[in-house]
Amino acid sequence: MLDSALSIAALILAFAALAGLFQRLHSITRALDAMQRNIAEIHGELAKISMALQTIKKRTANSAGDSFVDEFVEIDGDQWLDENDRRELRELKQL
């Protein structure tokens, strides 16, 4: 009788431990799912930031190019340039 009572108690204790382990694994799975959703959201935001940075880089490059062209126009119209300066400007404009 004592052996069977101990066996039943051991089985109950083992089931309780397994139930606790299952509950813990379930909560870990929910936490991992939440983290996966957060990572996906962060990844989407980073993609938007990257696209915005690319746009800014393009606009900056265009602005720099426009400034470069404006500078050429200003220099080209300078009345103090001699023929050698004008030739060098023409060579630079071809680049």
PDB file of N, CA and C in Angstrom:
ATOM      1  N   MET A   1       0.815  -1.184   0.000  1.00  0.00           N
ATOM      2  CA  MET A   1       0.000   0.000   0.000  1.00  0.00           C
ATOM      3  C   MET A   1       0.868   1.261   0.000  1.00  0.00           C
ATOM      4  N   LEU A   2       1.923   1.212   0.814  1.00  0.00           N
ATOM      5  CA  LEU A   2       2.812   2.362   0.907  1.00  0.00           C
ATOM      6  C   LEU A   2       3.550   2.577  -0.403  1.00  0.00           C
ATOM      7  N   ASP A   3       3.934   1.483  -1.050  1.00  0.00           N
ATOM      8  CA  ASP A   3       4.603   1.598  -2.359  1.00  0.00           C
ATOM      9  C   ASP A   3       3.688   2.222  -3.404  1.00  0.00           C
ATOM     10  N   SER A   4       2.442   1.812  -3.414  1.00  0.00           N
ATOM     11  CA  SER A   4       1.522   2.358  -4.404  1.00  0.00           C
ATOM     12  C   SER A   4       1.223   3.828  -4.123  1.00  0.00           C
ATOM     13  N   ALA A   5       1.152   4.209  -2.866  1.00  0.00           N
ATOM     14  CA  ALA A   5       0.920   5.613  -2.508  1.00  0.00           C
ATOM     15  C   ALA A   5       2.119   6.458  -2.924  1.00  0.00           C
ATOM     16  N   LEU A   6       3.321   5.940  -2.718  1.00  0.00           N
ATOM     17  CA  LEU A   6       4.526   6.659  -3.124  1.00  0.00           C
ATOM     18  C   LEU A   6       4.617   6.758  -4.648  1.00  0.00           C
ATOM     19  N   SER A   7       4.231   5.711  -5.338  1.00  0.00           N
ATOM     20  CA  SER A   7       4.249   5.719  -6.803  1.00  0.00           C
ATOM     21  C   SER A   7       3.261   6.746  -7.342  1.00  0.00           C
ATOM     22  N   ILE A   8       2.065   6.789  -6.734  1.00  0.00           N
ATOM     23  CA  ILE A   8       1.056   7.758  -7.158  1.00  0.00           C
ATOM     24  C   ILE A   8       1.537   9.175  -6.870  1.00  0.00           C
ATOM     25  N   ALA A   9       2.145   9.389  -5.728  1.00  0.00           N
ATOM     26  CA  ALA A   9       2.660  10.712  -5.361  1.00  0.00           C
ATOM     27  C   ALA A   9       3.771  11.127  -6.324  1.00  0.00           C
ATOM     28  N   ALA A  10       4.625  10.176  -6.674  1.00  0.00           N
ATOM     29  CA  ALA A  10       5.707  10.473  -7.614  1.00  0.00           C
ATOM     30  C   ALA A  10       5.132  10.812  -8.991  1.00  0.00           C
ATOM     31  N   LEU A  11       4.093  10.101  -9.423  1.00  0.00           N
ATOM     32  CA  LEU A  11       3.457  10.391 -10.705  1.00  0.00           C
ATOM     33  C   LEU A  11       2.801  11.782 -10.687  1.00  0.00           C
ATOM     34  N   ILE A  12       2.125  12.088  -9.591  1.00  0.00           N
ATOM     35  CA  ILE A  12       1.477  13.400  -9.471  1.00  0.00           C
ATOM     36  C   ILE A  12       2.537  14.501  -9.499  1.00  0.00           C
ATOM     37  N   LEU A  13       3.621  14.283  -8.791  1.00  0.00           N
ATOM     38  CA  LEU A  13       4.712  15.266  -8.763  1.00  0.00           C
ATOM     39  C   LEU A  13       5.335  15.421 -10.160  1.00  0.00           C
ATOM     40  N   ALA A  14       5.506  14.319 -10.868  1.00  0.00           N
ATOM     41  CA  ALA A  14       6.073  14.371 -12.216  1.00  0.00           C
ATOM     42  C   ALA A  14       5.125  15.109 -13.168  1.00  0.00           C
ATOM     43  N   PHE A  15       3.810  14.846 -13.077  1.00  0.00           N
ATOM     44  CA  PHE A  15       2.836  15.553 -13.914  1.00  0.00           C
ATOM     45  C   PHE A  15       2.812  17.045 -13.594  1.00  0.00           C
ATOM     46  N   ALA A  16       2.934  17.388 -12.315  1.00  0.00           N
ATOM     47  CA  ALA A  16       2.950  18.806 -11.929  1.00  0.00           C
ATOM     48  C   ALA A  16       4.189  19.487 -12.501  1.00  0.00           C
ATOM     49  N   ALA A  17       5.321  18.791 -12.459  1.00  0.00           N
ATOM     50  CA  ALA A  17       6.553  19.357 -13.022  1.00  0.00           C
ATOM     51  C   ALA A  17       6.418  19.526 -14.528  1.00  0.00           C
ATOM     52  N   LEU A  18       5.841  18.536 -15.210  1.00  0.00           N
ATOM     53  CA  LEU A  18       5.638  18.633 -16.651  1.00  0.00           C
ATOM     54  C   LEU A  18       4.652  19.744 -17.005  1.00  0.00           C
ATOM     55  N   ALA A  19       3.611  19.910 -16.191  1.00  0.00           N
ATOM     56  CA  ALA A  19       2.633  20.977 -16.437  1.00  0.00           C
ATOM     57  C   ALA A  19       3.307  22.344 -16.275  1.00  0.00           C
ATOM     58  N   GLY A  20       4.143  22.489 -15.253  1.00  0.00           N
ATOM     59  CA  GLY A  20       4.884  23.737 -15.052  1.00  0.00           C
ATOM     60  C   GLY A  20       5.838  24.009 -16.205  1.00  0.00           C
ATOM     61  N   LEU A  21       6.501  22.958 -16.664  1.00  0.00           N
ATOM     62  CA  LEU A  21       7.414  23.096 -17.796  1.00  0.00           C
ATOM     63  C   LEU A  21       6.650  23.488 -19.067  1.00  0.00           C
ATOM     64  N   PHE A  22       5.509  22.868 -19.295  1.00  0.00           N
ATOM     65  CA  PHE A  22       4.695  23.204 -20.472  1.00  0.00           C
ATOM     66  C   PHE A  22       4.232  24.658 -20.414  1.00  0.00           C
ATOM     67  N   GLN A  23       3.794  25.098 -19.231  1.00  0.00           N
ATOM     68  CA  GLN A  23       3.343  26.480 -19.076  1.00  0.00           C
ATOM     69  C   GLN A  23       4.497  27.447 -19.328  1.00  0.00           C
ATOM     70  N   ARG A  24       5.668  27.120 -18.842  1.00  0.00           N
ATOM     71  CA  ARG A  24       6.845  27.975 -19.041  1.00  0.00           C
ATOM     72  C   ARG A  24       7.225  28.041 -20.521  1.00  0.00           C
ATOM     73  N   LEU A  25       7.211  26.899 -21.205  1.00  0.00           N
ATOM     74  CA  LEU A  25       7.510  26.864 -22.635  1.00  0.00           C
ATOM     75  C   LEU A  25       6.481  27.665 -23.433  1.00  0.00           C
ATOM     76  N   HIS A  26       5.233  27.598 -23.022  1.00  0.00           N
ATOM     77  CA  HIS A  26       4.183  28.353 -23.698  1.00  0.00           C
ATOM     78  C   HIS A  26       4.410  29.861 -23.534  1.00  0.00           C
ATOM     79  N   SER A  27       4.793  30.294 -22.338  1.00  0.00           N
ATOM     80  CA  SER A  27       5.041  31.732 -22.128  1.00  0.00           C
ATOM     81  C   SER A  27       6.290  32.185 -22.893  1.00  0.00           C
ATOM     82  N   ILE A  28       7.286  31.315 -22.993  1.00  0.00           N
ATOM     83  CA  ILE A  28       8.484  31.648 -23.778  1.00  0.00           C
ATOM     84  C   ILE A  28       8.124  31.782 -25.259  1.00  0.00           C
ATOM     85  N   THR A  29       7.273  30.892 -25.752  1.00  0.00           N
ATOM     86  CA  THR A  29       6.841  30.952 -27.150  1.00  0.00           C
ATOM     87  C   THR A  29       6.090  32.249 -27.433  1.00  0.00           C
ATOM     88  N   ARG A  30       5.208  32.656 -26.520  1.00  0.00           N
ATOM     89  CA  ARG A  30       4.485  33.926 -26.698  1.00  0.00           C
ATOM     90  C   ARG A  30       5.446  35.109 -26.701  1.00  0.00           C
ATOM     91  N   ALA A  31       6.440  35.076 -25.813  1.00  0.00           N
ATOM     92  CA  ALA A  31       7.423  36.170 -25.763  1.00  0.00           C
ATOM     93  C   ALA A  31       8.236  36.223 -27.057  1.00  0.00           C
ATOM     94  N   LEU A  32       8.619  35.061 -27.584  1.00  0.00           N
ATOM     95  CA  LEU A  32       9.369  35.023 -28.841  1.00  0.00           C
ATOM     96  C   LEU A  32       8.527  35.538 -30.000  1.00  0.00           C
ATOM     97  N   ASP A  33       7.244  35.207 -30.023  1.00  0.00           N
ATOM     98  CA  ASP A  33       6.355  35.721 -31.073  1.00  0.00           C
ATOM     99  C   ASP A  33       6.257  37.244 -31.000  1.00  0.00           C
ATOM    100  N   ALA A  34       6.135  37.773 -29.786  1.00  0.00           N
ATOM    101  CA  ALA A  34       6.067  39.231 -29.618  1.00  0.00           C
ATOM    102  C   ALA A  34       7.369  39.886 -30.077  1.00  0.00           C
ATOM    103  N   MET A  35       8.492  39.267 -29.747  1.00  0.00           N
ATOM    104  CA  MET A  35       9.785  39.802 -30.182  1.00  0.00           C
ATOM    105  C   MET A  35       9.907  39.762 -31.700  1.00  0.00           C
ATOM    106  N   GLN A  36       9.419  38.697 -32.314  1.00  0.00           N
ATOM    107  CA  GLN A  36       9.472  38.591 -33.770  1.00  0.00           C
ATOM    108  C   GLN A  36       8.644  39.697 -34.420  1.00  0.00           C
ATOM    109  N   ARG A  37       7.470  39.996 -33.872  1.00  0.00           N
ATOM    110  CA  ARG A  37       6.663  41.095 -34.406  1.00  0.00           C
ATOM    111  C   ARG A  37       7.381  42.429 -34.240  1.00  0.00           C
ATOM    112  N   ASN A  38       8.016  42.638 -33.081  1.00  0.00           N
ATOM    113  CA  ASN A  38       8.759  43.881 -32.853  1.00  0.00           C
ATOM    114  C   ASN A  38       9.927  44.013 -33.827  1.00  0.00           C
ATOM    115  N   ILE A  39      10.624  42.927 -34.059  1.00  0.00           N
ATOM    116  CA  ILE A  39      11.764  42.959 -34.980  1.00  0.00           C
ATOM    117  C   ILE A  39      11.283  43.266 -36.391  1.00  0.00           C
ATOM    118  N   ALA A  40      10.166  42.678 -36.793  1.00  0.00           N
ATOM    119  CA  ALA A  40       9.629  42.951 -38.135  1.00  0.00           C
ATOM    120  C   ALA A  40       9.235  44.422 -38.268  1.00  0.00           C
ATOM    121  N   GLU A  41       8.642  44.978 -37.214  1.00  0.00           N
ATOM    122  CA  GLU A  41       8.260  46.389 -37.236  1.00  0.00           C
ATOM    123  C   GLU A  41       9.499  47.285 -37.299  1.00  0.00           C
ATOM    124  N   ILE A  42      10.506  46.958 -36.508  1.00  0.00           N
ATOM    125  CA  ILE A  42      11.750  47.742 -36.516  1.00  0.00           C
ATOM    126  C   ILE A  42      12.427  47.649 -37.882  1.00  0.00           C
ATOM    127  N   HIS A  43      12.413  46.458 -38.465  1.00  0.00           N
ATOM    128  CA  HIS A  43      13.011  46.279 -39.792  1.00  0.00           C
ATOM    129  C   HIS A  43      12.305  47.153 -40.825  1.00  0.00           C
ATOM    130  N   GLY A  44      10.973  47.210 -40.746  1.00  0.00           N
ATOM    131  CA  GLY A  44      10.215  48.060 -41.662  1.00  0.00           C
ATOM    132  C   GLY A  44      10.570  49.534 -41.475  1.00  0.00           C
ATOM    133  N   GLU A  45      10.708  49.961 -40.229  1.00  0.00           N
ATOM    134  CA  GLU A  45      11.072  51.356 -39.958  1.00  0.00           C
ATOM    135  C   GLU A  45      12.484  51.660 -40.460  1.00  0.00           C
ATOM    136  N   LEU A  46      13.402  50.709 -40.278  1.00  0.00           N
ATOM    137  CA  LEU A  46      14.766  50.909 -40.772  1.00  0.00           C
ATOM    138  C   LEU A  46      14.796  50.990 -42.294  1.00  0.00           C
ATOM    139  N   ALA A  47      13.953  50.213 -42.951  1.00  0.00           N
ATOM    140  CA  ALA A  47      13.877  50.287 -44.420  1.00  0.00           C
ATOM    141  C   ALA A  47      13.392  51.668 -44.855  1.00  0.00           C
ATOM    142  N   LYS A  48      12.396  52.217 -44.135  1.00  0.00           N
ATOM    143  CA  LYS A  48      11.916  53.564 -44.452  1.00  0.00           C
ATOM    144  C   LYS A  48      13.011  54.600 -44.237  1.00  0.00           C
ATOM    145  N   ILE A  49      13.755  54.457 -43.144  1.00  0.00           N
ATOM    146  CA  ILE A  49      14.854  55.392 -42.863  1.00  0.00           C
ATOM    147  C   ILE A  49      15.917  55.304 -43.949  1.00  0.00           C
ATOM    148  N   SER A  50      16.230  54.088 -44.369  1.00  0.00           N
ATOM    149  CA  SER A  50      17.230  53.901 -45.420  1.00  0.00           C
ATOM    150  C   SER A  50      16.783  54.570 -46.715  1.00  0.00           C
ATOM    151  N   MET A  51      15.506  54.422 -47.060  1.00  0.00           N
ATOM    152  CA  MET A  51      14.994  55.059 -48.282  1.00  0.00           C
ATOM    153  C   MET A  51      15.069  56.581 -48.164  1.00  0.00           C
ATOM    154  N   ALA A  52      14.758  57.099 -46.978  1.00  0.00           N
ATOM    155  CA  ALA A  52      14.823  58.545 -46.772  1.00  0.00           C
ATOM    156  C   ALA A  52      16.260  59.040 -46.902  1.00  0.00           C
ATOM    157  N   LEU A  53      17.207  58.283 -46.358  1.00  0.00           N
ATOM    158  CA  LEU A  53      18.621  58.670 -46.470  1.00  0.00           C
ATOM    159  C   LEU A  53      19.092  58.657 -47.921  1.00  0.00           C
ATOM    160  N   GLN A  54      18.647  57.669 -48.690  1.00  0.00           N
ATOM    161  CA  GLN A  54      19.016  57.623 -50.106  1.00  0.00           C
ATOM    162  C   GLN A  54      18.474  58.846 -50.840  1.00  0.00           C
ATOM    163  N   THR A  55      17.232  59.229 -50.514  1.00  0.00           N
ATOM    164  CA  THR A  55      16.637  60.412 -51.130  1.00  0.00           C
ATOM    165  C   THR A  55      17.430  61.658 -50.766  1.00  0.00           C
ATOM    166  N   ILE A  56      17.813  61.759 -49.499  1.00  0.00           N
ATOM    167  CA  ILE A  56      18.599  62.916 -49.049  1.00  0.00           C
ATOM    168  C   ILE A  56      19.943  62.950 -49.763  1.00  0.00           C
ATOM    169  N   LYS A  57      20.583  61.786 -49.898  1.00  0.00           N
ATOM    170  CA  LYS A  57      21.870  61.737 -50.595  1.00  0.00           C
ATOM    171  C   LYS A  57      21.728  62.194 -52.048  1.00  0.00           C
ATOM    172  N   LYS A  58      20.659  61.745 -52.711  1.00  0.00           N
ATOM    173  CA  LYS A  58      20.445  62.148 -54.104  1.00  0.00           C
ATOM    174  C   LYS A  58      20.212  63.643 -54.203  1.00  0.00           C
ATOM    175  N   ARG A  59      19.387  64.173 -53.292  1.00  0.00           N
ATOM    176  CA  ARG A  59      19.118  65.616 -53.327  1.00  0.00           C
ATOM    177  C   ARG A  59      20.367  66.417 -53.011  1.00  0.00           C
ATOM    178  N   THR A  60      21.184  65.927 -52.086  1.00  0.00           N
ATOM    179  CA  THR A  60      22.430  66.614 -51.759  1.00  0.00           C
ATOM    180  C   THR A  60      23.367  66.595 -52.953  1.00  0.00           C
ATOM    181  N   ALA A  61      23.447  65.438 -53.615  1.00  0.00           N
ATOM    182  CA  ALA A  61      24.307  65.341 -54.799  1.00  0.00           C
ATOM    183  C   ALA A  61      23.811  66.277 -55.891  1.00  0.00           C
ATOM    184  N   ASN A  62      22.502  66.325 -56.087  1.00  0.00           N
ATOM    185  CA  ASN A  62      21.947  67.235 -57.093  1.00  0.00           C
ATOM    186  C   ASN A  62      22.235  68.684 -56.730  1.00  0.00           C
ATOM    187  N   SER A  63      22.085  69.011 -55.451  1.00  0.00           N
ATOM    188  CA  SER A  63      22.358  70.384 -55.015  1.00  0.00           C
ATOM    189  C   SER A  63      23.825  70.731 -55.216  1.00  0.00           C
ATOM    190  N   ALA A  64      24.704  69.779 -54.877  1.00  0.00           N
ATOM    191  CA  ALA A  64      26.131  70.017 -55.065  1.00  0.00           C
ATOM    192  C   ALA A  64      26.447  70.182 -56.543  1.00  0.00           C
ATOM    193  N   GLY A  65      25.821  69.341 -57.376  1.00  0.00           N
ATOM    194  CA  GLY A  65      26.031  69.455 -58.827  1.00  0.00           C
ATOM    195  C   GLY A  65      25.508  70.780 -59.354  1.00  0.00           C
ATOM    196  N   ASP A  66      24.349  71.203 -58.856  1.00  0.00           N
ATOM    197  CA  ASP A  66      23.797  72.483 -59.275  1.00  0.00           C
ATOM    198  C   ASP A  66      24.708  73.632 -58.855  1.00  0.00           C
ATOM    199  N   SER A  67      25.249  73.545 -57.656  1.00  0.00           N
ATOM    200  CA  SER A  67      26.159  74.588 -57.188  1.00  0.00           C
ATOM    201  C   SER A  67      27.415  74.624 -58.047  1.00  0.00           C
ATOM    202  N   PHE A  68      27.893  73.440 -58.426  1.00  0.00           N
ATOM    203  CA  PHE A  68      29.083  73.343 -59.266  1.00  0.00           C
ATOM    204  C   PHE A  68      28.825  74.007 -60.617  1.00  0.00           C
ATOM    205  N   VAL A  69      27.643  73.714 -61.194  1.00  0.00           N
ATOM    206  CA  VAL A  69      27.279  74.314 -62.482  1.00  0.00           C
ATOM    207  C   VAL A  69      27.114  75.817 -62.330  1.00  0.00           C
ATOM    208  N   ASP A  70      26.457  76.265 -61.265  1.00  0.00           N
ATOM    209  CA  ASP A  70      26.289  77.695 -61.022  1.00  0.00           C
ATOM    210  C   ASP A  70      27.633  78.393 -60.917  1.00  0.00           C
ATOM    211  N   GLU A  71      28.577  77.709 -60.261  1.00  0.00           N
ATOM    212  CA  GLU A  71      29.910  78.294 -60.121  1.00  0.00           C
ATOM    213  C   GLU A  71      30.570  78.450 -61.488  1.00  0.00           C
ATOM    214  N   PHE A  72      30.406  77.450 -62.365  1.00  0.00           N
ATOM    215  CA  PHE A  72      30.962  77.544 -63.710  1.00  0.00           C
ATOM    216  C   PHE A  72      30.346  78.706 -64.479  1.00  0.00           C
ATOM    217  N   VAL A  73      29.029  78.841 -64.364  1.00  0.00           N
ATOM    218  CA  VAL A  73      28.355  79.926 -65.077  1.00  0.00           C
ATOM    219  C   VAL A  73      28.875  81.268 -64.589  1.00  0.00           C
ATOM    220  N   GLU A  74      29.043  81.371 -63.272  1.00  0.00           N
ATOM    221  CA  GLU A  74      29.537  82.627 -62.707  1.00  0.00           C
ATOM    222  C   GLU A  74      30.969  82.903 -63.160  1.00  0.00           C
ATOM    223  N   ILE A  75      31.808  81.873 -63.129  1.00  0.00           N
ATOM    224  CA  ILE A  75      33.209  82.063 -63.542  1.00  0.00           C
ATOM    225  C   ILE A  75      33.285  82.334 -65.039  1.00  0.00           C
ATOM    226  N   ASP A  76      32.493  81.601 -65.826  1.00  0.00           N
ATOM    227  CA  ASP A  76      32.534  81.743 -67.274  1.00  0.00           C
ATOM    228  C   ASP A  76      32.136  83.157 -67.703  1.00  0.00           C
ATOM    229  N   GLY A  77      31.255  83.770 -66.942  1.00  0.00           N
ATOM    230  CA  GLY A  77      30.818  85.118 -67.282  1.00  0.00           C
ATOM    231  C   GLY A  77      31.732  86.202 -66.737  1.00  0.00           C
ATOM    232  N   ASP A  78      32.781  85.810 -66.033  1.00  0.00           N
ATOM    233  CA  ASP A  78      33.687  86.792 -65.429  1.00  0.00           C
ATOM    234  C   ASP A  78      34.467  87.511 -66.528  1.00  0.00           C
ATOM    235  N   GLN A  79      34.442  88.816 -66.485  1.00  0.00           N
ATOM    236  CA  GLN A  79      35.099  89.598 -67.546  1.00  0.00           C
ATOM    237  C   GLN A  79      36.617  89.620 -67.407  1.00  0.00           C
ATOM    238  N   TRP A  80      37.153  89.160 -66.277  1.00  0.00           N
ATOM    239  CA  TRP A  80      38.607  89.239 -66.055  1.00  0.00           C
ATOM    240  C   TRP A  80      39.335  87.975 -66.500  1.00  0.00           C
ATOM    241  N   LEU A  81      38.616  87.000 -67.052  1.00  0.00           N
ATOM    242  CA  LEU A  81      39.276  85.781 -67.500  1.00  0.00           C
ATOM    243  C   LEU A  81      40.029  86.039 -68.802  1.00  0.00           C
ATOM    244  N   ASP A  82      41.231  85.462 -68.877  1.00  0.00           N
ATOM    245  CA  ASP A  82      41.947  85.551 -70.152  1.00  0.00           C
ATOM    246  C   ASP A  82      41.664  84.289 -70.966  1.00  0.00           C
ATOM    247  N   GLU A  83      42.244  84.191 -72.132  1.00  0.00           N
ATOM    248  CA  GLU A  83      41.962  83.081 -73.039  1.00  0.00           C
ATOM    249  C   GLU A  83      42.406  81.745 -72.447  1.00  0.00           C
ATOM    250  N   ASN A  84      43.517  81.720 -71.725  1.00  0.00           N
ATOM    251  CA  ASN A  84      44.004  80.498 -71.101  1.00  0.00           C
ATOM    252  C   ASN A  84      42.998  80.005 -70.050  1.00  0.00           C
ATOM    253  N   ASP A  85      42.459  80.913 -69.246  1.00  0.00           N
ATOM    254  CA  ASP A  85      41.456  80.538 -68.244  1.00  0.00           C
ATOM    255  C   ASP A  85      40.212  79.976 -68.910  1.00  0.00           C
ATOM    256  N   ARG A  86      39.790  80.601 -70.000  1.00  0.00           N
ATOM    257  CA  ARG A  86      38.596  80.128 -70.707  1.00  0.00           C
ATOM    258  C   ARG A  86      38.811  78.727 -71.289  1.00  0.00           C
ATOM    259  N   ARG A  87      40.018  78.471 -71.784  1.00  0.00           N
ATOM    260  CA  ARG A  87      40.326  77.140 -72.328  1.00  0.00           C
ATOM    261  C   ARG A  87      40.276  76.090 -71.207  1.00  0.00           C
ATOM    262  N   GLU A  88      40.850  76.402 -70.053  1.00  0.00           N
ATOM    263  CA  GLU A  88      40.821  75.463 -68.930  1.00  0.00           C
ATOM    264  C   GLU A  88      39.377  75.205 -68.469  1.00  0.00           C
ATOM    265  N   LEU A  89      38.560  76.241 -68.473  1.00  0.00           N
ATOM    266  CA  LEU A  89      37.159  76.071 -68.114  1.00  0.00           C
ATOM    267  C   LEU A  89      36.428  75.152 -69.093  1.00  0.00           C
ATOM    268  N   ARG A  90      36.698  75.327 -70.372  1.00  0.00           N
ATOM    269  CA  ARG A  90      36.065  74.458 -71.364  1.00  0.00           C
ATOM    270  C   ARG A  90      36.477  73.007 -71.160  1.00  0.00           C
ATOM    271  N   GLU A  91      37.747  72.788 -70.835  1.00  0.00           N
ATOM    272  CA  GLU A  91      38.213  71.404 -70.575  1.00  0.00           C
ATOM    273  C   GLU A  91      37.538  70.831 -69.342  1.00  0.00           C
ATOM    274  N   LEU A  92      37.366  71.646 -68.299  1.00  0.00           N
ATOM    275  CA  LEU A  92      36.724  71.162 -67.089  1.00  0.00           C
ATOM    276  C   LEU A  92      35.246  70.870 -67.322  1.00  0.00           C
ATOM    277  N   LYS A  93      34.593  71.653 -68.146  1.00  0.00           N
ATOM    278  CA  LYS A  93      33.160  71.437 -68.409  1.00  0.00           C
ATOM    279  C   LYS A  93      32.927  70.112 -69.110  1.00  0.00           C
ATOM    280  N   GLN A  94      33.885  69.645 -69.868  1.00  0.00           N
ATOM    281  CA  GLN A  94      33.722  68.369 -70.563  1.00  0.00           C
ATOM    282  C   GLN A  94      33.729  67.209 -69.577  1.00  0.00           C
ATOM    283  N   LEU A  95      34.356  67.387 -68.423  1.00  0.00           N
ATOM    284  CA  LEU A  95      34.364  66.325 -67.410  1.00  0.00           C
ATOM    285  C   LEU A  95      32.985  66.208 -66.819  1.00  0.00           C
TER     286      LEU A  95
END
